Amino acid sequence: MKSKDTLDLQAIGKRMKMVRAALRKTQSTMARDLEVSLSHYSKLEIGLGGMSHGLLYTFCRTFGVDEKWFVNGTGEMPSHFIDPEKNGTRGSYTPESVQDERLERIVGMVMDPKNQSLGAKIASTLEISQVKAMTILVKGILDRAEQQQAEAAKNASR
């Protein structure tokens, strides 16, 4: 592995952001999973600050990333980036496509008749608008899914 002084921190930061986007995690969740502060993590994504070899190793192990790819951009790209619709071609995920997928999931949740019914009950019970109730409901569903992903990643790394 390259020495700390010769690491291209901006390129590594871009790959960190790619991994985070593919995993559909927030910077806060990534920081928690790596046991670093949110401030430190956000600086790493833009190539500022320092990254120890220990943190490089932890990132790769925690998120199943090939160390050569993470450090140099060579070697095996993580399987998180394989698009099944393109028969295994690589590099199909971008932060924009992940955002589009997330929005698609949210719209699907809002349009689900079961969620609409539950949203109406929440609105009535809390005496708030249907829109506010659906926002609360969808946020809860997304937060729960994110927690489950974090727990699954933690269990997988053990």
N, C-alpha and C. Protein backbone atom coordinates (compact mmCIF):
# COMPACT_ATOMS: atom_id res chain seq x y z
N MET A 1 0.85 -1.18 0.00
CA MET A 1 0.00 0.00 0.00
C MET A 1 0.89 1.24 0.00
N LYS A 2 0.38 2.30 -0.58
CA LYS A 2 1.11 3.56 -0.62
C LYS A 2 1.29 4.10 0.79
N SER A 3 2.33 4.90 0.96
CA SER A 3 2.50 5.53 2.27
C SER A 3 1.46 6.63 2.42
N LYS A 4 1.22 7.02 3.65
CA LYS A 4 0.19 8.02 3.95
C LYS A 4 0.41 9.32 3.19
N ASP A 5 1.69 9.69 2.99
CA ASP A 5 2.01 10.95 2.33
C ASP A 5 1.67 10.93 0.84
N THR A 6 1.64 9.76 0.21
CA THR A 6 1.41 9.70 -1.23
C THR A 6 -0.02 9.30 -1.58
N LEU A 7 -0.90 9.17 -0.61
CA LEU A 7 -2.29 8.82 -0.90
C LEU A 7 -2.99 9.99 -1.59
N ASP A 8 -3.78 9.68 -2.60
CA ASP A 8 -4.59 10.69 -3.27
C ASP A 8 -5.91 10.77 -2.50
N LEU A 9 -5.94 11.63 -1.49
CA LEU A 9 -7.09 11.71 -0.59
C LEU A 9 -8.36 12.18 -1.29
N GLN A 10 -8.23 13.01 -2.32
CA GLN A 10 -9.42 13.45 -3.04
C GLN A 10 -10.05 12.29 -3.81
N ALA A 11 -9.22 11.46 -4.43
CA ALA A 11 -9.74 10.29 -5.17
C ALA A 11 -10.34 9.28 -4.20
N ILE A 12 -9.69 9.08 -3.07
CA ILE A 12 -10.22 8.15 -2.06
C ILE A 12 -11.54 8.69 -1.53
N GLY A 13 -11.62 10.00 -1.32
CA GLY A 13 -12.86 10.63 -0.87
C GLY A 13 -14.00 10.41 -1.85
N LYS A 14 -13.70 10.51 -3.14
CA LYS A 14 -14.73 10.26 -4.15
C LYS A 14 -15.20 8.82 -4.10
N ARG A 15 -14.26 7.89 -3.89
CA ARG A 15 -14.67 6.48 -3.79
C ARG A 15 -15.47 6.23 -2.51
N MET A 16 -15.11 6.94 -1.43
CA MET A 16 -15.91 6.82 -0.20
C MET A 16 -17.35 7.25 -0.47
N LYS A 17 -17.49 8.36 -1.19
CA LYS A 17 -18.82 8.88 -1.49
C LYS A 17 -19.59 7.91 -2.39
N MET A 18 -18.90 7.28 -3.35
CA MET A 18 -19.53 6.29 -4.22
C MET A 18 -20.06 5.11 -3.41
N VAL A 19 -19.23 4.63 -2.48
CA VAL A 19 -19.64 3.50 -1.64
C VAL A 19 -20.84 3.89 -0.80
N ARG A 20 -20.77 5.07 -0.20
CA ARG A 20 -21.88 5.54 0.65
C ARG A 20 -23.16 5.65 -0.16
N ALA A 21 -23.07 6.21 -1.36
CA ALA A 21 -24.25 6.36 -2.20
C ALA A 21 -24.82 5.00 -2.59
N ALA A 22 -23.94 4.07 -2.94
CA ALA A 22 -24.40 2.73 -3.33
C ALA A 22 -25.07 2.01 -2.17
N LEU A 23 -24.58 2.25 -0.96
CA LEU A 23 -25.17 1.63 0.22
C LEU A 23 -26.38 2.39 0.74
N ARG A 24 -26.64 3.55 0.12
CA ARG A 24 -27.76 4.39 0.52
C ARG A 24 -27.68 4.78 2.00
N LYS A 25 -26.50 5.20 2.40
CA LYS A 25 -26.29 5.61 3.78
C LYS A 25 -26.02 7.10 3.84
N THR A 26 -26.25 7.65 4.99
CA THR A 26 -25.92 9.05 5.22
C THR A 26 -24.48 9.15 5.69
N GLN A 27 -23.92 10.36 5.62
CA GLN A 27 -22.58 10.55 6.17
C GLN A 27 -22.57 10.23 7.66
N SER A 28 -23.63 10.58 8.34
CA SER A 28 -23.73 10.32 9.77
C SER A 28 -23.65 8.81 10.07
N THR A 29 -24.37 8.02 9.29
CA THR A 29 -24.35 6.57 9.50
C THR A 29 -22.98 6.00 9.19
N MET A 30 -22.36 6.47 8.12
CA MET A 30 -21.03 5.99 7.76
C MET A 30 -20.04 6.33 8.88
N ALA A 31 -20.12 7.55 9.39
CA ALA A 31 -19.22 7.97 10.47
C ALA A 31 -19.41 7.08 11.70
N ARG A 32 -20.67 6.82 12.02
CA ARG A 32 -20.96 5.95 13.18
C ARG A 32 -20.40 4.55 12.96
N ASP A 33 -20.60 4.00 11.76
CA ASP A 33 -20.10 2.65 11.46
C ASP A 33 -18.57 2.58 11.55
N LEU A 34 -17.90 3.68 11.20
CA LEU A 34 -16.44 3.72 11.24
C LEU A 34 -15.90 4.20 12.59
N GLU A 35 -16.80 4.62 13.46
CA GLU A 35 -16.45 5.13 14.78
C GLU A 35 -15.53 6.36 14.69
N VAL A 36 -15.94 7.29 13.78
CA VAL A 36 -15.27 8.59 13.67
C VAL A 36 -16.35 9.66 13.77
N SER A 37 -15.93 10.89 13.98
CA SER A 37 -16.91 11.97 14.07
C SER A 37 -17.48 12.27 12.68
N LEU A 38 -18.67 12.84 12.66
CA LEU A 38 -19.29 13.24 11.40
C LEU A 38 -18.42 14.29 10.70
N SER A 39 -17.87 15.20 11.47
CA SER A 39 -17.01 16.24 10.91
C SER A 39 -15.80 15.62 10.21
N HIS A 40 -15.15 14.66 10.87
CA HIS A 40 -13.98 13.99 10.29
C HIS A 40 -14.38 13.24 9.02
N TYR A 41 -15.50 12.52 9.08
CA TYR A 41 -15.94 11.74 7.92
C TYR A 41 -16.24 12.66 6.73
N SER A 42 -16.96 13.74 6.97
CA SER A 42 -17.33 14.63 5.86
C SER A 42 -16.08 15.25 5.23
N LYS A 43 -15.07 15.55 6.03
CA LYS A 43 -13.82 16.08 5.49
C LYS A 43 -13.12 15.02 4.65
N LEU A 44 -13.16 13.76 5.08
CA LEU A 44 -12.54 12.69 4.31
C LEU A 44 -13.16 12.57 2.92
N GLU A 45 -14.48 12.72 2.84
CA GLU A 45 -15.15 12.59 1.54
C GLU A 45 -14.75 13.68 0.55
N ILE A 46 -14.29 14.82 1.04
CA ILE A 46 -13.86 15.87 0.12
C ILE A 46 -12.33 15.94 0.04
N GLY A 47 -11.66 14.97 0.65
CA GLY A 47 -10.21 14.86 0.52
C GLY A 47 -9.41 15.72 1.46
N LEU A 48 -10.02 16.17 2.54
CA LEU A 48 -9.31 16.98 3.53
C LEU A 48 -8.94 16.14 4.74
N GLY A 49 -7.98 16.63 5.49
CA GLY A 49 -7.58 15.91 6.69
C GLY A 49 -6.71 14.72 6.35
N GLY A 50 -6.53 13.88 7.32
CA GLY A 50 -5.69 12.70 7.12
C GLY A 50 -6.48 11.42 7.29
N MET A 51 -5.99 10.39 6.64
CA MET A 51 -6.62 9.08 6.76
C MET A 51 -5.52 8.08 7.13
N SER A 52 -5.66 7.49 8.29
CA SER A 52 -4.67 6.52 8.73
C SER A 52 -4.84 5.20 7.98
N HIS A 53 -3.79 4.40 7.99
CA HIS A 53 -3.88 3.07 7.38
C HIS A 53 -4.92 2.22 8.10
N GLY A 54 -5.04 2.43 9.40
CA GLY A 54 -6.05 1.69 10.18
C GLY A 54 -7.46 2.02 9.72
N LEU A 55 -7.71 3.30 9.45
CA LEU A 55 -9.05 3.70 8.99
C LEU A 55 -9.30 3.18 7.57
N LEU A 56 -8.26 3.20 6.73
CA LEU A 56 -8.40 2.61 5.39
C LEU A 56 -8.82 1.15 5.50
N TYR A 57 -8.11 0.42 6.35
CA TYR A 57 -8.39 -1.01 6.53
C TYR A 57 -9.81 -1.21 7.07
N THR A 58 -10.18 -0.41 8.07
CA THR A 58 -11.51 -0.52 8.67
C THR A 58 -12.60 -0.24 7.65
N PHE A 59 -12.41 0.80 6.84
CA PHE A 59 -13.41 1.13 5.82
C PHE A 59 -13.60 -0.04 4.87
N CYS A 60 -12.49 -0.57 4.38
CA CYS A 60 -12.56 -1.68 3.41
C CYS A 60 -13.22 -2.90 4.02
N ARG A 61 -12.87 -3.22 5.23
CA ARG A 61 -13.43 -4.40 5.88
C ARG A 61 -14.90 -4.20 6.22
N THR A 62 -15.24 -3.04 6.74
CA THR A 62 -16.62 -2.77 7.15
C THR A 62 -17.59 -2.78 5.98
N PHE A 63 -17.15 -2.23 4.85
CA PHE A 63 -18.07 -2.08 3.72
C PHE A 63 -17.78 -3.04 2.56
N GLY A 64 -16.88 -3.99 2.77
CA GLY A 64 -16.61 -5.01 1.76
C GLY A 64 -15.98 -4.46 0.50
N VAL A 65 -15.03 -3.56 0.66
CA VAL A 65 -14.39 -2.89 -0.47
C VAL A 65 -12.96 -3.42 -0.63
N ASP A 66 -12.57 -3.70 -1.88
CA ASP A 66 -11.21 -4.14 -2.17
C ASP A 66 -10.25 -2.99 -1.88
N GLU A 67 -9.21 -3.27 -1.11
CA GLU A 67 -8.29 -2.22 -0.68
C GLU A 67 -7.56 -1.57 -1.86
N LYS A 68 -7.16 -2.36 -2.86
CA LYS A 68 -6.47 -1.79 -4.03
C LYS A 68 -7.39 -0.82 -4.77
N TRP A 69 -8.65 -1.21 -4.92
CA TRP A 69 -9.60 -0.31 -5.58
C TRP A 69 -9.79 0.96 -4.77
N PHE A 70 -9.93 0.80 -3.46
CA PHE A 70 -10.21 1.94 -2.60
C PHE A 70 -9.05 2.93 -2.60
N VAL A 71 -7.82 2.43 -2.52
CA VAL A 71 -6.65 3.30 -2.43
C VAL A 71 -6.22 3.83 -3.79
N ASN A 72 -6.20 2.94 -4.81
CA ASN A 72 -5.63 3.31 -6.11
C ASN A 72 -6.64 3.42 -7.25
N GLY A 73 -7.85 2.90 -7.05
CA GLY A 73 -8.81 2.87 -8.13
C GLY A 73 -8.60 1.69 -9.07
N THR A 74 -7.72 0.75 -8.68
CA THR A 74 -7.46 -0.44 -9.49
C THR A 74 -7.95 -1.65 -8.72
N GLY A 75 -7.93 -2.80 -9.36
CA GLY A 75 -8.39 -4.02 -8.68
C GLY A 75 -9.88 -4.17 -8.81
N GLU A 76 -10.48 -4.93 -7.92
CA GLU A 76 -11.91 -5.25 -8.00
C GLU A 76 -12.77 -4.13 -7.45
N MET A 77 -13.67 -3.63 -8.30
CA MET A 77 -14.66 -2.66 -7.85
C MET A 77 -15.68 -3.42 -7.00
N PRO A 78 -16.17 -2.83 -5.94
CA PRO A 78 -17.13 -3.52 -5.07
C PRO A 78 -18.38 -3.98 -5.82
N SER A 79 -18.92 -5.10 -5.40
CA SER A 79 -20.11 -5.65 -6.04
C SER A 79 -21.31 -4.73 -5.88
N HIS A 80 -21.26 -3.78 -4.95
CA HIS A 80 -22.36 -2.83 -4.76
C HIS A 80 -22.63 -2.03 -6.03
N PHE A 81 -21.64 -1.98 -6.94
CA PHE A 81 -21.75 -1.14 -8.13
C PHE A 81 -22.17 -1.92 -9.37
N ILE A 82 -22.52 -3.17 -9.21
CA ILE A 82 -22.93 -3.96 -10.36
C ILE A 82 -24.42 -3.77 -10.59
N ASP A 83 -24.79 -3.41 -11.81
CA ASP A 83 -26.18 -3.19 -12.17
C ASP A 83 -26.74 -4.46 -12.76
N PRO A 84 -27.66 -5.16 -12.07
CA PRO A 84 -28.19 -6.41 -12.57
C PRO A 84 -28.91 -6.27 -13.90
N GLU A 85 -29.45 -5.08 -14.20
CA GLU A 85 -30.16 -4.88 -15.45
C GLU A 85 -29.21 -4.85 -16.64
N LYS A 86 -27.90 -4.65 -16.37
CA LYS A 86 -26.94 -4.59 -17.47
C LYS A 86 -26.04 -5.82 -17.46
N ASN A 87 -26.54 -6.92 -16.92
CA ASN A 87 -25.83 -8.20 -16.91
C ASN A 87 -24.42 -8.11 -16.34
N GLY A 88 -24.30 -7.44 -15.21
CA GLY A 88 -23.03 -7.43 -14.51
C GLY A 88 -22.03 -6.41 -14.98
N THR A 89 -22.42 -5.43 -15.79
CA THR A 89 -21.47 -4.40 -16.16
C THR A 89 -21.22 -3.53 -14.95
N ARG A 90 -20.02 -3.00 -14.86
CA ARG A 90 -19.64 -2.27 -13.67
C ARG A 90 -19.79 -0.77 -13.83
N GLY A 91 -19.81 -0.09 -12.68
CA GLY A 91 -19.80 1.35 -12.69
C GLY A 91 -21.13 2.00 -13.01
N SER A 92 -22.22 1.29 -12.86
CA SER A 92 -23.51 1.83 -13.27
C SER A 92 -24.15 2.72 -12.20
N TYR A 93 -23.72 2.61 -10.97
CA TYR A 93 -24.32 3.42 -9.92
C TYR A 93 -23.59 4.75 -9.81
N THR A 94 -24.36 5.79 -9.73
CA THR A 94 -23.83 7.13 -9.48
C THR A 94 -24.64 7.70 -8.34
N PRO A 95 -24.13 8.70 -7.66
CA PRO A 95 -24.93 9.31 -6.59
C PRO A 95 -26.30 9.76 -7.11
N GLU A 96 -26.37 10.24 -8.36
CA GLU A 96 -27.64 10.69 -8.91
C GLU A 96 -28.62 9.54 -9.07
N SER A 97 -28.13 8.38 -9.59
CA SER A 97 -29.04 7.25 -9.79
C SER A 97 -29.53 6.71 -8.46
N VAL A 98 -28.67 6.75 -7.44
CA VAL A 98 -29.09 6.29 -6.12
C VAL A 98 -30.17 7.23 -5.57
N GLN A 99 -30.00 8.54 -5.77
CA GLN A 99 -31.01 9.50 -5.33
C GLN A 99 -32.32 9.25 -6.06
N ASP A 100 -32.25 8.98 -7.38
CA ASP A 100 -33.47 8.70 -8.16
C ASP A 100 -34.17 7.46 -7.61
N GLU A 101 -33.40 6.42 -7.29
CA GLU A 101 -33.99 5.20 -6.74
C GLU A 101 -34.64 5.48 -5.39
N ARG A 102 -33.99 6.30 -4.58
CA ARG A 102 -34.55 6.63 -3.27
C ARG A 102 -35.87 7.38 -3.43
N LEU A 103 -35.91 8.33 -4.35
CA LEU A 103 -37.15 9.07 -4.60
C LEU A 103 -38.24 8.13 -5.11
N GLU A 104 -37.85 7.21 -5.96
CA GLU A 104 -38.81 6.23 -6.47
C GLU A 104 -39.41 5.40 -5.33
N ARG A 105 -38.55 4.99 -4.39
CA ARG A 105 -39.02 4.23 -3.23
C ARG A 105 -39.97 5.06 -2.39
N ILE A 106 -39.64 6.34 -2.19
CA ILE A 106 -40.48 7.21 -1.38
C ILE A 106 -41.85 7.38 -2.03
N VAL A 107 -41.87 7.65 -3.33
CA VAL A 107 -43.14 7.82 -4.03
C VAL A 107 -43.95 6.53 -3.94
N GLY A 108 -43.29 5.39 -4.09
CA GLY A 108 -43.97 4.10 -3.96
C GLY A 108 -44.61 3.94 -2.59
N MET A 109 -43.88 4.35 -1.55
CA MET A 109 -44.42 4.26 -0.19
C MET A 109 -45.63 5.15 -0.02
N VAL A 110 -45.55 6.36 -0.57
CA VAL A 110 -46.65 7.32 -0.44
C VAL A 110 -47.89 6.82 -1.19
N MET A 111 -47.69 6.17 -2.31
CA MET A 111 -48.83 5.72 -3.12
C MET A 111 -49.41 4.39 -2.64
N ASP A 112 -48.71 3.69 -1.78
CA ASP A 112 -49.20 2.40 -1.27
C ASP A 112 -50.49 2.63 -0.48
N PRO A 113 -51.58 1.94 -0.85
CA PRO A 113 -52.86 2.14 -0.16
C PRO A 113 -52.78 1.87 1.36
N LYS A 114 -51.99 0.89 1.76
CA LYS A 114 -51.85 0.62 3.20
C LYS A 114 -51.23 1.81 3.91
N ASN A 115 -50.18 2.39 3.30
CA ASN A 115 -49.54 3.55 3.92
C ASN A 115 -50.45 4.77 3.90
N GLN A 116 -51.25 4.93 2.84
CA GLN A 116 -52.19 6.05 2.79
C GLN A 116 -53.22 5.93 3.91
N SER A 117 -53.70 4.70 4.14
CA SER A 117 -54.66 4.48 5.21
C SER A 117 -54.04 4.78 6.57
N LEU A 118 -52.81 4.28 6.77
CA LEU A 118 -52.12 4.53 8.03
C LEU A 118 -51.84 6.02 8.19
N GLY A 119 -51.46 6.70 7.09
CA GLY A 119 -51.22 8.14 7.13
C GLY A 119 -52.46 8.90 7.53
N ALA A 120 -53.62 8.47 7.03
CA ALA A 120 -54.89 9.13 7.39
C ALA A 120 -55.17 8.95 8.89
N LYS A 121 -54.88 7.77 9.41
CA LYS A 121 -55.09 7.53 10.85
C LYS A 121 -54.15 8.39 11.69
N ILE A 122 -52.90 8.49 11.26
CA ILE A 122 -51.93 9.32 11.97
C ILE A 122 -52.38 10.78 11.94
N ALA A 123 -52.80 11.26 10.76
CA ALA A 123 -53.25 12.64 10.62
C ALA A 123 -54.43 12.93 11.54
N SER A 124 -55.37 12.00 11.59
CA SER A 124 -56.55 12.18 12.42
C SER A 124 -56.19 12.17 13.90
N THR A 125 -55.36 11.20 14.28
CA THR A 125 -54.98 11.06 15.69
C THR A 125 -54.19 12.26 16.19
N LEU A 126 -53.24 12.71 15.39
CA LEU A 126 -52.37 13.81 15.81
C LEU A 126 -52.91 15.18 15.42
N GLU A 127 -54.03 15.18 14.68
CA GLU A 127 -54.64 16.42 14.20
C GLU A 127 -53.64 17.26 13.40
N ILE A 128 -53.05 16.59 12.41
CA ILE A 128 -52.11 17.25 11.51
C ILE A 128 -52.56 16.97 10.07
N SER A 129 -51.93 17.62 9.12
CA SER A 129 -52.29 17.41 7.72
C SER A 129 -51.87 16.01 7.26
N GLN A 130 -52.54 15.53 6.22
CA GLN A 130 -52.22 14.23 5.63
C GLN A 130 -50.77 14.23 5.12
N VAL A 131 -50.35 15.36 4.55
CA VAL A 131 -48.98 15.46 4.02
C VAL A 131 -47.96 15.31 5.15
N LYS A 132 -48.20 16.00 6.25
CA LYS A 132 -47.29 15.90 7.41
C LYS A 132 -47.28 14.48 7.95
N ALA A 133 -48.42 13.85 8.03
CA ALA A 133 -48.53 12.47 8.52
C ALA A 133 -47.76 11.51 7.62
N MET A 134 -47.89 11.68 6.30
CA MET A 134 -47.17 10.81 5.36
C MET A 134 -45.67 11.04 5.45
N THR A 135 -45.27 12.28 5.69
CA THR A 135 -43.85 12.59 5.86
C THR A 135 -43.30 11.85 7.08
N ILE A 136 -44.02 11.90 8.18
CA ILE A 136 -43.61 11.20 9.39
C ILE A 136 -43.53 9.69 9.14
N LEU A 137 -44.53 9.16 8.47
CA LEU A 137 -44.58 7.72 8.19
C LEU A 137 -43.42 7.28 7.29
N VAL A 138 -43.20 7.99 6.20
CA VAL A 138 -42.13 7.62 5.27
C VAL A 138 -40.77 7.77 5.94
N LYS A 139 -40.57 8.84 6.70
CA LYS A 139 -39.30 9.03 7.41
C LYS A 139 -39.05 7.87 8.37
N GLY A 140 -40.08 7.45 9.07
CA GLY A 140 -39.94 6.32 9.98
C GLY A 140 -39.56 5.04 9.26
N ILE A 141 -40.18 4.79 8.12
CA ILE A 141 -39.87 3.59 7.33
C ILE A 141 -38.42 3.64 6.84
N LEU A 142 -37.99 4.80 6.33
CA LEU A 142 -36.63 4.94 5.84
C LEU A 142 -35.60 4.81 6.97
N ASP A 143 -35.88 5.43 8.11
CA ASP A 143 -34.97 5.33 9.26
C ASP A 143 -34.83 3.89 9.72
N ARG A 144 -35.95 3.17 9.77
CA ARG A 144 -35.92 1.77 10.19
C ARG A 144 -35.10 0.93 9.21
N ALA A 145 -35.27 1.17 7.92
CA ALA A 145 -34.52 0.43 6.91
C ALA A 145 -33.02 0.72 7.03
N GLU A 146 -32.68 1.98 7.29
CA GLU A 146 -31.27 2.36 7.45
C GLU A 146 -30.67 1.68 8.67
N GLN A 147 -31.41 1.62 9.77
CA GLN A 147 -30.93 0.94 10.98
C GLN A 147 -30.71 -0.54 10.71
N GLN A 148 -31.63 -1.16 9.99
CA GLN A 148 -31.49 -2.58 9.68
C GLN A 148 -30.28 -2.83 8.79
N GLN A 149 -30.02 -1.94 7.83
CA GLN A 149 -28.83 -2.06 6.98
C GLN A 149 -27.56 -1.93 7.80
N ALA A 150 -27.55 -0.99 8.73
CA ALA A 150 -26.37 -0.79 9.57
C ALA A 150 -26.12 -2.02 10.43
N GLU A 151 -27.18 -2.57 11.01
CA GLU A 151 -27.04 -3.77 11.83
C GLU A 151 -26.57 -4.96 11.00
N ALA A 152 -27.09 -5.09 9.78
CA ALA A 152 -26.70 -6.19 8.91
C ALA A 152 -25.22 -6.05 8.53
N ALA A 153 -24.78 -4.82 8.23
CA ALA A 153 -23.37 -4.59 7.88
C ALA A 153 -22.46 -4.89 9.05
N LYS A 154 -22.90 -4.51 10.25
CA LYS A 154 -22.11 -4.77 11.45
C LYS A 154 -22.00 -6.27 11.71
N ASN A 155 -23.14 -6.97 11.57
CA ASN A 155 -23.14 -8.43 11.78
C ASN A 155 -22.30 -9.14 10.72
N ALA A 156 -22.31 -8.63 9.49
CA ALA A 156 -21.54 -9.26 8.42
C ALA A 156 -20.05 -9.08 8.63
N SER A 157 -19.66 -7.98 9.28
CA SER A 157 -18.23 -7.73 9.49
C SER A 157 -17.66 -8.48 10.69
N ARG A 158 -18.52 -9.14 11.44
CA ARG A 158 -18.05 -9.88 12.62
C ARG A 158 -17.50 -11.21 12.26
